[in-house]
Structures are given as structure tokens and as C-alpha cells.
C-alpha atoms as a PDB file:
ATOM      1  CA  MET A   1     -64.870 -49.206  29.291  1.00  0.00           C
ATOM      2  CA  PRO A   2     -63.107 -46.125  28.944  1.00  0.00           C
ATOM      3  CA  ARG A   3     -62.142 -45.015  25.272  1.00  0.00           C
ATOM      4  CA  GLN A   4     -58.523 -45.310  24.247  1.00  0.00           C
ATOM      5  CA  PRO A   5     -57.344 -41.997  22.690  1.00  0.00           C
ATOM      6  CA  PHE A   6     -56.441 -42.278  19.312  1.00  0.00           C
ATOM      7  CA  VAL A   7     -52.606 -42.041  18.773  1.00  0.00           C
ATOM      8  CA  MET A   8     -51.140 -41.984  15.334  1.00  0.00           C
ATOM      9  CA  LYS A   9     -47.569 -43.613  15.161  1.00  0.00           C
ATOM     10  CA  LEU A  10     -45.306 -42.178  12.238  1.00  0.00           C
ATOM     11  CA  PHE A  11     -42.493 -44.415  11.139  1.00  0.00           C
ATOM     12  CA  MET A  12     -39.602 -43.117   9.199  1.00  0.00           C
ATOM     13  CA  LYS A  13     -37.431 -45.491   7.381  1.00  0.00           C
ATOM     14  CA  ASN A  14     -33.749 -44.682   7.339  1.00  0.00           C
ATOM     15  CA  ILE A  15     -32.907 -45.200   3.636  1.00  0.00           C
ATOM     16  CA  TRP A  16     -29.176 -44.536   4.385  1.00  0.00           C
ATOM     17  CA  ASN A  17     -29.229 -47.193   6.811  1.00  0.00           C
ATOM     18  CA  ILE A  18     -26.753 -44.919   8.989  1.00  0.00           C
ATOM     19  CA  SER A  19     -26.786 -45.221  12.510  1.00  0.00           C
ATOM     20  CA  GLY A  20     -26.707 -41.902  14.687  1.00  0.00           C
ATOM     21  CA  ARG A  21     -23.152 -42.651  15.781  1.00  0.00           C
ATOM     22  CA  MET A  22     -22.146 -43.155  12.207  1.00  0.00           C
ATOM     23  CA  MET A  23     -23.871 -39.926  11.202  1.00  0.00           C
ATOM     24  CA  MET A  24     -21.941 -37.990  13.968  1.00  0.00           C
ATOM     25  CA  MET A  25     -18.764 -39.434  12.943  1.00  0.00           C
ATOM     26  CA  MET A  26     -19.212 -38.436   9.333  1.00  0.00           C
ATOM     27  CA  MET A  27     -20.056 -34.865  10.322  1.00  0.00           C
ATOM     28  CA  MET A  28     -16.926 -34.513  12.499  1.00  0.00           C
ATOM     29  CA  MET A  29     -14.942 -35.727   9.633  1.00  0.00           C
ATOM     30  CA  MET A  30     -16.516 -33.178   7.289  1.00  0.00           C
ATOM     31  CA  VAL A  31     -15.910 -30.516   9.784  1.00  0.00           C
ATOM     32  CA  MET A  32     -12.090 -31.543  10.049  1.00  0.00           C
ATOM     33  CA  VAL A  33     -11.744 -31.586   6.375  1.00  0.00           C
ATOM     34  CA  LEU A  34     -13.323 -28.075   6.138  1.00  0.00           C
ATOM     35  CA  LEU A  35     -10.886 -26.789   8.979  1.00  0.00           C
ATOM     36  CA  MET A  36      -7.882 -28.266   7.397  1.00  0.00           C
ATOM     37  CA  LEU A  37      -8.830 -26.539   3.856  1.00  0.00           C
ATOM     38  CA  LEU A  38      -9.547 -23.268   5.651  1.00  0.00           C
ATOM     39  CA  ARG A  39      -6.051 -23.536   7.466  1.00  0.00           C
ATOM     40  CA  GLY A  40      -4.370 -24.506   4.338  1.00  0.00           C
ATOM     41  CA  GLY A  41      -5.804 -21.316   2.597  1.00  0.00           C
ATOM     42  CA  GLU A  42      -4.824 -19.171   5.415  1.00  0.00           C
ATOM     43  CA  ALA A  43      -1.061 -20.395   4.918  1.00  0.00           C
ATOM     44  CA  THR A  44      -1.152 -19.522   1.287  1.00  0.00           C
ATOM     45  CA  GLU A  45      -2.561 -16.011   1.957  1.00  0.00           C
ATOM     46  CA  THR A  46       0.201 -15.432   4.526  1.00  0.00           C
ATOM     47  CA  ASP A  47       3.104 -16.744   2.380  1.00  0.00           C
ATOM     48  CA  THR A  48       2.010 -14.294  -0.336  1.00  0.00           C
ATOM     49  CA  THR A  49       1.627 -11.034   1.901  1.00  0.00           C
ATOM     50  CA  THR A  50       4.616  -8.674   2.350  1.00  0.00           C
ATOM     51  CA  THR A  51       6.704  -8.835   5.310  1.00  0.00           C
ATOM     52  CA  ASN A  52       5.613  -5.447   6.309  1.00  0.00           C
ATOM     53  CA  ALA A  53       2.416  -7.158   7.341  1.00  0.00           C
ATOM     54  CA  THR A  54       3.679  -8.497  10.746  1.00  0.00           C
ATOM     55  CA  CYS A  55       3.838  -7.301  14.258  1.00  0.00           C
ATOM     56  CA  ARG A  56       7.298  -8.242  14.698  1.00  0.00           C
ATOM     57  CA  HIS A  57       8.782  -4.855  14.168  1.00  0.00           C
ATOM     58  CA  ALA A  58      10.701  -3.561  17.020  1.00  0.00           C
ATOM     59  CA  THR A  59       8.643  -0.039  17.222  1.00  0.00           C
ATOM     60  CA  ASP A  60       5.439  -1.582  16.580  1.00  0.00           C
ATOM     61  CA  MET A  61       5.119   1.156  13.823  1.00  0.00           C
ATOM     62  CA  TRP A  62       6.702   0.693  10.328  1.00  0.00           C
ATOM     63  CA  GLY A  63       6.100   2.063   6.878  1.00  0.00           C
ATOM     64  CA  ASP A  64       5.585   0.629   3.439  1.00  0.00           C
ATOM     65  CA  PRO A  65       7.310   1.373   0.144  1.00  0.00           C
ATOM     66  CA  ASP A  66       4.584   3.852  -0.429  1.00  0.00           C
ATOM     67  CA  PRO A  67       5.315   6.643   2.043  1.00  0.00           C
ATOM     68  CA  ASN A  68       1.734   7.556   2.218  1.00  0.00           C
ATOM     69  CA  ILE A  69       1.090   4.101   4.277  1.00  0.00           C
ATOM     70  CA  PHE A  70       2.336   2.954   7.478  1.00  0.00           C
ATOM     71  CA  TYR A  71       1.440   0.424   9.789  1.00  0.00           C
ATOM     72  CA  VAL A  72       1.017   0.027  13.974  1.00  0.00           C
ATOM     73  CA  CYS A  73       0.095  -3.100  15.839  1.00  0.00           C
ATOM     74  CA  SER A  74      -3.128  -3.460  17.342  1.00  0.00           C
ATOM     75  CA  ASP A  75      -3.742  -4.515  21.049  1.00  0.00           C
ATOM     76  CA  GLY A  76      -4.646  -8.165  19.546  1.00  0.00           C
ATOM     77  CA  GLY A  77      -1.075  -8.219  17.710  1.00  0.00           C
ATOM     78  CA  GLN A  78      -2.685  -7.557  14.240  1.00  0.00           C
ATOM     79  CA  PRO A  79      -1.134  -4.921  11.941  1.00  0.00           C
ATOM     80  CA  LEU A  80      -3.441  -1.939  11.081  1.00  0.00           C
ATOM     81  CA  GLN A  81      -2.891  -0.202   7.915  1.00  0.00           C
ATOM     82  CA  LEU A  82      -2.879   3.621   8.222  1.00  0.00           C
ATOM     83  CA  GLN A  83      -2.451   6.583   5.903  1.00  0.00           C
ATOM     84  CA  CYS A  84      -0.683   9.888   6.645  1.00  0.00           C
ATOM     85  CA  PRO A  85      -2.448  12.979   6.177  1.00  0.00           C
ATOM     86  CA  PRO A  86      -1.953  14.700   2.783  1.00  0.00           C
ATOM     87  CA  GLY A  87       1.363  16.563   2.596  1.00  0.00           C
ATOM     88  CA  ARG A  88       3.019  14.195   4.686  1.00  0.00           C
ATOM     89  CA  GLY A  89       4.734  10.771   4.479  1.00  0.00           C
ATOM     90  CA  PHE A  90       6.055   8.150   6.647  1.00  0.00           C
ATOM     91  CA  PHE A  91       9.900   8.300   7.349  1.00  0.00           C
ATOM     92  CA  ASN A  92      11.627   6.028   9.800  1.00  0.00           C
ATOM     93  CA  GLY A  93      15.469   6.984  10.151  1.00  0.00           C
ATOM     94  CA  GLN A  94      18.057   9.957  10.981  1.00  0.00           C
ATOM     95  CA  GLY A  95      15.961  10.390  14.359  1.00  0.00           C
ATOM     96  CA  HIS A  96      12.818  10.460  12.812  1.00  0.00           C
ATOM     97  CA  LEU A  97       9.845   7.993  13.068  1.00  0.00           C
ATOM     98  CA  GLY A  98       6.127   9.064  11.782  1.00  0.00           C
ATOM     99  CA  CYS A  99       4.312  10.949   9.171  1.00  0.00           C
ATOM    100  CA  LEU A 100       6.608  14.161   8.695  1.00  0.00           C
ATOM    101  CA  PRO A 101       5.861  16.919   6.113  1.00  0.00           C
ATOM    102  CA  PHE A 102       7.521  16.103   2.856  1.00  0.00           C
ATOM    103  CA  ALA A 103       9.570  19.219   3.161  1.00  0.00           C
ATOM    104  CA  GLN A 104      11.155  18.117   6.465  1.00  0.00           C
ATOM    105  CA  TRP A 105      12.210  14.717   5.151  1.00  0.00           C
ATOM    106  CA  PRO A 106      16.022  14.595   5.776  1.00  0.00           C
ATOM    107  CA  ALA A 107      16.455  12.400   2.808  1.00  0.00           C
ATOM    108  CA  CYS A 108      14.869  10.864  -0.280  1.00  0.00           C
ATOM    109  CA  ARG A 109      14.004  14.137  -1.826  1.00  0.00           C
ATOM    110  CA  PRO A 110      15.517  17.201  -3.431  1.00  0.00           C
ATOM    111  CA  THR A 111      16.411  20.145  -0.965  1.00  0.00           C
ATOM    112  CA  GLU A 112      14.383  23.104  -0.548  1.00  0.00           C
ATOM    113  CA  GLU A 113      17.227  24.982  -2.516  1.00  0.00           C
ATOM    114  CA  GLN A 114      16.914  22.836  -5.384  1.00  0.00           C
ATOM    115  CA  LEU A 115      13.155  22.998  -5.649  1.00  0.00           C
ATOM    116  CA  ALA A 116      13.248  26.886  -5.290  1.00  0.00           C
ATOM    117  CA  ILE A 117      15.655  27.423  -8.019  1.00  0.00           C
ATOM    118  CA  GLN A 118      13.860  25.259 -10.335  1.00  0.00           C
ATOM    119  CA  LEU A 119      10.520  26.768  -9.516  1.00  0.00           C
ATOM    120  CA  SER A 120      11.750  30.360  -9.784  1.00  0.00           C
ATOM    121  CA  ALA A 121      13.368  29.690 -12.991  1.00  0.00           C
ATOM    122  CA  GLY A 122       9.976  29.210 -14.406  1.00  0.00           C
ATOM    123  CA  CYS A 123       9.443  27.781 -17.844  1.00  0.00           C
ATOM    124  CA  ASP A 124      11.102  30.203 -20.125  1.00  0.00           C
ATOM    125  CA  SER A 125      14.702  29.759 -18.583  1.00  0.00           C
ATOM    126  CA  GLY A 126      16.987  27.300 -17.513  1.00  0.00           C
ATOM    127  CA  PRO A 127      16.848  23.889 -18.537  1.00  0.00           C
ATOM    128  CA  GLU A 128      13.188  23.784 -19.586  1.00  0.00           C
ATOM    129  CA  GLN A 129      13.922  26.445 -22.332  1.00  0.00           C
ATOM    130  CA  GLN A 130      17.077  24.582 -23.613  1.00  0.00           C
ATOM    131  CA  GLN A 131      14.741  21.411 -23.597  1.00  0.00           C
ATOM    132  CA  LYS A 132      12.024  23.048 -25.830  1.00  0.00           C
ATOM    133  CA  GLN A 133      14.534  24.368 -28.313  1.00  0.00           C
ATOM    134  CA  GLN A 134      16.113  20.661 -28.559  1.00  0.00           C
ATOM    135  CA  GLN A 135      13.502  18.115 -27.496  1.00  0.00           C
ATOM    136  CA  TYR A 136       9.954  17.130 -27.018  1.00  0.00           C
ATOM    137  CA  PRO A 137       8.107  16.172 -24.441  1.00  0.00           C
ATOM    138  CA  PRO A 138       9.514  18.672 -21.706  1.00  0.00           C
ATOM    139  CA  VAL A 139      11.450  17.196 -18.903  1.00  0.00           C
ATOM    140  CA  PRO A 140       9.243  17.202 -15.540  1.00  0.00           C
ATOM    141  CA  TRP A 141      10.953  18.078 -12.207  1.00  0.00           C
ATOM    142  CA  ALA A 142      10.316  17.014  -8.708  1.00  0.00           C
ATOM    143  CA  ALA A 143       7.825  18.856  -6.402  1.00  0.00           C
ATOM    144  CA  PRO A 144       8.136  18.705  -2.496  1.00  0.00           C
ATOM    145  CA  ASP A 145       5.634  16.103  -2.230  1.00  0.00           C
ATOM    146  CA  PRO A 146       6.711  12.924  -3.882  1.00  0.00           C
ATOM    147  CA  ASN A 147       3.114  12.163  -5.235  1.00  0.00           C
ATOM    148  CA  GLN A 148       3.551  15.285  -7.279  1.00  0.00           C
ATOM    149  CA  PHE A 149       5.678  16.753  -9.957  1.00  0.00           C
ATOM    150  CA  TYR A 150       6.195  20.126 -12.108  1.00  0.00           C
ATOM    151  CA  MET A 151       5.986  20.285 -15.874  1.00  0.00           C
ATOM    152  CA  CYS A 152       6.029  23.102 -18.322  1.00  0.00           C
ATOM    153  CA  PRO A 153       3.350  23.525 -21.038  1.00  0.00           C
ATOM    154  CA  SER A 154       4.593  24.305 -24.449  1.00  0.00           C
ATOM    155  CA  ALA A 155       3.103  27.589 -24.542  1.00  0.00           C
ATOM    156  CA  PRO A 156       5.680  30.793 -24.038  1.00  0.00           C
ATOM    157  CA  SER A 157       5.696  32.408 -20.724  1.00  0.00           C
ATOM    158  CA  ALA A 158       3.844  29.653 -19.195  1.00  0.00           C
ATOM    159  CA  THR A 159       3.545  28.931 -15.485  1.00  0.00           C
ATOM    160  CA  PRO A 160       4.891  25.417 -14.435  1.00  0.00           C
ATOM    161  CA  LEU A 161       1.961  22.863 -13.860  1.00  0.00           C
ATOM    162  CA  LEU A 162       2.017  21.088 -10.517  1.00  0.00           C
ATOM    163  CA  LEU A 163       0.632  17.492 -11.569  1.00  0.00           C
ATOM    164  CA  THR A 164      -0.019  14.340  -9.731  1.00  0.00           C
ATOM    165  CA  CYS A 165       1.238  10.792 -10.165  1.00  0.00           C
ATOM    166  CA  GLY A 166      -1.336   7.920 -10.199  1.00  0.00           C
ATOM    167  CA  SER A 167      -2.211   6.141  -7.307  1.00  0.00           C
ATOM    168  CA  GLY A 168       0.617   3.743  -5.983  1.00  0.00           C
ATOM    169  CA  LYS A 169       3.210   5.860  -7.807  1.00  0.00           C
ATOM    170  CA  GLY A 170       5.757   8.596  -6.966  1.00  0.00           C
ATOM    171  CA  PHE A 171       7.821  10.963  -8.944  1.00  0.00           C
ATOM    172  CA  VAL A 172      11.365  10.353  -9.732  1.00  0.00           C
ATOM    173  CA  SER A 173      14.094  11.849 -11.933  1.00  0.00           C
ATOM    174  CA  THR A 174      17.404  10.350 -12.119  1.00  0.00           C
ATOM    175  CA  SER A 175      19.743   9.644 -14.976  1.00  0.00           C
ATOM    176  CA  GLU A 176      17.957   6.168 -15.508  1.00  0.00           C
ATOM    177  CA  VAL A 177      14.276   7.147 -14.846  1.00  0.00           C
ATOM    178  CA  ALA A 178      12.114  10.449 -15.187  1.00  0.00           C
ATOM    179  CA  GLY A 179       8.423  10.064 -14.270  1.00  0.00           C
ATOM    180  CA  CYS A 180       5.997   8.457 -12.134  1.00  0.00           C
ATOM    181  CA  ALA A 181       7.149   5.153 -10.772  1.00  0.00           C
ATOM    182  CA  ASP A 182       5.811   2.485  -8.564  1.00  0.00           C
ATOM    183  CA  TRP A 183       6.948   3.176  -4.882  1.00  0.00           C
ATOM    184  CA  LEU A 184       9.618   0.183  -4.870  1.00  0.00           C
ATOM    185  CA  LEU A 185      11.372   1.864  -7.944  1.00  0.00           C
ATOM    186  CA  TRP A 186      11.014   5.340  -6.593  1.00  0.00           C
ATOM    187  CA  ARG A 187      12.779   4.141  -3.195  1.00  0.00           C
ATOM    188  CA  ARG A 188      15.568   2.394  -5.017  1.00  0.00           C
ATOM    189  CA  GLN A 189      16.407   5.154  -7.504  1.00  0.00           C
ATOM    190  CA  LEU A 190      16.333   7.746  -4.717  1.00  0.00           C
ATOM    191  CA  GLN A 191      18.478   5.395  -2.478  1.00  0.00           C
ATOM    192  CA  CYS A 192      15.803   5.461   0.031  1.00  0.00           C
ATOM    193  CA  GLU A 193      15.176   1.872   0.880  1.00  0.00           C
ATOM    194  CA  ALA A 194      16.453   2.120   4.355  1.00  0.00           C
ATOM    195  CA  PHE A 195      14.044   4.645   5.585  1.00  0.00           C
ATOM    196  CA  TYR A 196      10.662   2.831   6.066  1.00  0.00           C
END
């Protein structure tokens, strides 16, 4: 008689006593719960984002309170955040749309004449000289680029220093505010809220 091959049978005991069908149902429920949690998280994130992060804008190109930033819609309908090159800012209005050199902005900044007069006066004449005699610290004034400003050092016959505001801030000088302010305040103070 031929020999029977040796076959070893292993048996595993189901300590959970759960059938295959029941296991599948539990896994599906876990996946559904995870999807609901993820979907709930996305809704919360969407609620906290700014209205600038949508692709519902008429031009599919729009600005941010920070003029250095603008958005365009991708082919998939998602907003892409982009930056203007240095020396340019996003302007939308008065016939303009895009990253314009700050010197060509038709609003939201001092005129070229105002800037030239202040800069040519230097630190030893005009309001800066009067201020040195009456108060400290010196009053800064706007540069063509709203990310920057001029200030006179306290040394006699000094050349005005061109300084830069910190990230997320622009220079504003009004009767209420003088200095680097967040971009929303900058726009409000310069009556520039309609141009982005």
C-alpha cells in the first residue's frame, strides 16, 4: 500500500468569535466614521479661510490685502497663491489688473511729486528739521514701494535711510497712524480697500 503524504493541519481559533461578514461590516463602519471626521475637518478649515481663497471671482485673478500676493484659478478650479516680483504690487481697479510697478499705481500711495519733494528736502530741511528740534523720534515718510519707508538718522547732514517693514506689513503715514502696519490697516488708512 502506498504511503500517505504527511499533511499537517493547523487550526486557528477565532477568539473574537466574529464571522467574516461581521468583520467586513465593522471595517466599513470604521471607514465611514473616518470619512465623516475628515469631511468635518475640511468644512472647519474652509470656514476659517478668507474669502480671497475661492475661484468664484469674475476675472479668475484677484488680490490679497497684502499687495505682494495675488491669486489665480488653476485648471482644476483651485486658487493658486502667487507673488508679484519685487517693486511691483497687485492692483485691480481704474483700468488696471495685475502686478504693476508701485510707482505706476493710480491710487493708494503718495504721488511721485510728493515723494520727490520729501526726498530732495533731505534730513536738514523741511518737516524733518523742525521735528529734530521739537520731538524724538524722527517721523518717517513713505517710499514708492509700500513695503519700505524713509527715515532720517539723528546725525547732522544725514542722508535719509531707506528701511523695510517686516513681513506682512506696509508703511502708512496718516493723522492716525505712522509706521509699519498690517496690510488690512494699511488699506483702510489709505482708502485702498477697493483695489484688490
